[in-house]
């Protein structure tokens, strides 16, 4: 819902896991870090990067990334 509300697919450039496979540590529970790159909504020549960490094991970062990449590929067709 966050992505659809704030970042239409046409603005997304990349989505993936942290290439160094780092984890964010909070409350003794490590979570995978992932992020996406999108076109800036204010500066046409700029990009913005957002970093996230897994919150719920039912929705792991790998599934979020897979979904976003599939949606991006579908828009390219």
C-alpha atoms as a PDB file:
ATOM      1  CA  UNK A   1       0.000   0.000   0.000  1.00  0.00           C
ATOM      2  CA  UNK A   2       2.858   2.397   0.837  1.00  0.00           C
ATOM      3  CA  UNK A   3       4.447   1.950  -2.581  1.00  0.00           C
ATOM      4  CA  UNK A   4       1.209   2.364  -4.517  1.00  0.00           C
ATOM      5  CA  UNK A   5       0.165   5.420  -2.551  1.00  0.00           C
ATOM      6  CA  UNK A   6       3.471   7.307  -2.647  1.00  0.00           C
ATOM      7  CA  UNK A   7       5.424   5.851  -5.563  1.00  0.00           C
ATOM      8  CA  UNK A   8       3.625   4.902  -8.765  1.00  0.00           C
ATOM      9  CA  UNK A   9       5.426   2.178 -10.714  1.00  0.00           C
ATOM     10  CA  UNK A  10       6.508   4.718 -13.320  1.00  0.00           C
ATOM     11  CA  UNK A  11       8.705   6.421 -10.700  1.00  0.00           C
ATOM     12  CA  UNK A  12      10.486   3.275  -9.450  1.00  0.00           C
ATOM     13  CA  UNK A  13      13.956   2.566 -10.847  1.00  0.00           C
ATOM     14  CA  UNK A  14      15.323  -0.264  -8.677  1.00  0.00           C
ATOM     15  CA  UNK A  15      14.396  -2.464  -5.721  1.00  0.00           C
ATOM     16  CA  UNK A  16      16.723  -4.887  -3.957  1.00  0.00           C
ATOM     17  CA  UNK A  17      18.392  -6.242  -0.846  1.00  0.00           C
ATOM     18  CA  UNK A  18      21.386  -4.592   0.781  1.00  0.00           C
ATOM     19  CA  UNK A  19      24.308  -5.813  -1.362  1.00  0.00           C
ATOM     20  CA  UNK A  20      26.410  -6.259   1.786  1.00  0.00           C
ATOM     21  CA  UNK A  21      23.657  -8.377   3.379  1.00  0.00           C
ATOM     22  CA  UNK A  22      23.563  -6.265   6.527  1.00  0.00           C
ATOM     23  CA  UNK A  23      20.772  -6.573   9.040  1.00  0.00           C
ATOM     24  CA  UNK A  24      19.057  -3.966  11.174  1.00  0.00           C
ATOM     25  CA  UNK A  25      18.997  -4.869  14.856  1.00  0.00           C
ATOM     26  CA  UNK A  26      16.083  -3.818  17.048  1.00  0.00           C
ATOM     27  CA  UNK A  27      14.795  -5.525  20.183  1.00  0.00           C
ATOM     28  CA  UNK A  28      17.352  -8.332  19.665  1.00  0.00           C
ATOM     29  CA  UNK A  29      15.664  -9.350  16.409  1.00  0.00           C
ATOM     30  CA  UNK A  30      17.785  -8.946  13.273  1.00  0.00           C
ATOM     31  CA  UNK A  31      15.924  -7.900  10.117  1.00  0.00           C
ATOM     32  CA  UNK A  32      17.134  -7.858   6.502  1.00  0.00           C
ATOM     33  CA  UNK A  33      17.635  -4.401   5.013  1.00  0.00           C
ATOM     34  CA  UNK A  34      16.234  -3.611   1.589  1.00  0.00           C
ATOM     35  CA  UNK A  35      15.457  -0.501  -0.373  1.00  0.00           C
ATOM     36  CA  UNK A  36      14.342   1.089  -3.573  1.00  0.00           C
ATOM     37  CA  UNK A  37      15.388   3.939  -5.829  1.00  0.00           C
ATOM     38  CA  UNK A  38      12.777   6.206  -7.401  1.00  0.00           C
ATOM     39  CA  UNK A  39      12.668   9.383  -9.427  1.00  0.00           C
ATOM     40  CA  UNK A  40      12.468  12.452  -7.236  1.00  0.00           C
ATOM     41  CA  UNK A  41       9.014  14.026  -7.257  1.00  0.00           C
ATOM     42  CA  UNK A  42      10.490  17.505  -6.902  1.00  0.00           C
ATOM     43  CA  UNK A  43      13.695  17.406  -8.985  1.00  0.00           C
ATOM     44  CA  UNK A  44      13.399  15.761 -12.401  1.00  0.00           C
ATOM     45  CA  UNK A  45      17.129  14.963 -12.659  1.00  0.00           C
ATOM     46  CA  UNK A  46      17.399  13.487  -9.156  1.00  0.00           C
ATOM     47  CA  UNK A  47      16.666  10.094  -7.587  1.00  0.00           C
ATOM     48  CA  UNK A  48      15.713   9.265  -4.015  1.00  0.00           C
ATOM     49  CA  UNK A  49      16.656   6.129  -2.102  1.00  0.00           C
ATOM     50  CA  UNK A  50      14.540   4.638   0.672  1.00  0.00           C
ATOM     51  CA  UNK A  51      15.809   1.956   3.028  1.00  0.00           C
ATOM     52  CA  UNK A  52      13.576  -0.431   4.942  1.00  0.00           C
ATOM     53  CA  UNK A  53      13.939  -3.442   7.210  1.00  0.00           C
ATOM     54  CA  UNK A  54      11.737  -6.493   7.458  1.00  0.00           C
ATOM     55  CA  UNK A  55       9.061  -6.100  10.075  1.00  0.00           C
ATOM     56  CA  UNK A  56       6.988  -9.242   9.842  1.00  0.00           C
ATOM     57  CA  UNK A  57       8.397 -12.708   9.049  1.00  0.00           C
ATOM     58  CA  UNK A  58       5.144 -13.467   7.211  1.00  0.00           C
ATOM     59  CA  UNK A  59       6.143 -10.799   4.662  1.00  0.00           C
ATOM     60  CA  UNK A  60       9.923 -11.164   4.239  1.00  0.00           C
ATOM     61  CA  UNK A  61      11.938  -8.613   2.290  1.00  0.00           C
ATOM     62  CA  UNK A  62      12.582 -11.161  -0.457  1.00  0.00           C
ATOM     63  CA  UNK A  63       8.835 -11.374  -1.191  1.00  0.00           C
ATOM     64  CA  UNK A  64       8.452  -7.596  -1.264  1.00  0.00           C
ATOM     65  CA  UNK A  65      11.368  -7.286  -3.681  1.00  0.00           C
ATOM     66  CA  UNK A  66      10.071 -10.104  -5.847  1.00  0.00           C
ATOM     67  CA  UNK A  67       6.643  -8.466  -6.076  1.00  0.00           C
ATOM     68  CA  UNK A  68       8.052  -5.035  -6.949  1.00  0.00           C
ATOM     69  CA  UNK A  69      10.415  -6.481  -9.580  1.00  0.00           C
ATOM     70  CA  UNK A  70       7.579  -8.463 -11.153  1.00  0.00           C
ATOM     71  CA  UNK A  71       5.418  -5.345 -11.308  1.00  0.00           C
ATOM     72  CA  UNK A  72       8.284  -3.361 -12.837  1.00  0.00           C
ATOM     73  CA  UNK A  73       8.863  -6.029 -15.497  1.00  0.00           C
ATOM     74  CA  UNK A  74       5.153  -6.094 -16.334  1.00  0.00           C
ATOM     75  CA  UNK A  75       5.144  -2.338 -16.949  1.00  0.00           C
ATOM     76  CA  UNK A  76       8.108  -2.658 -19.333  1.00  0.00           C
ATOM     77  CA  UNK A  77       6.180  -5.029 -21.614  1.00  0.00           C
END
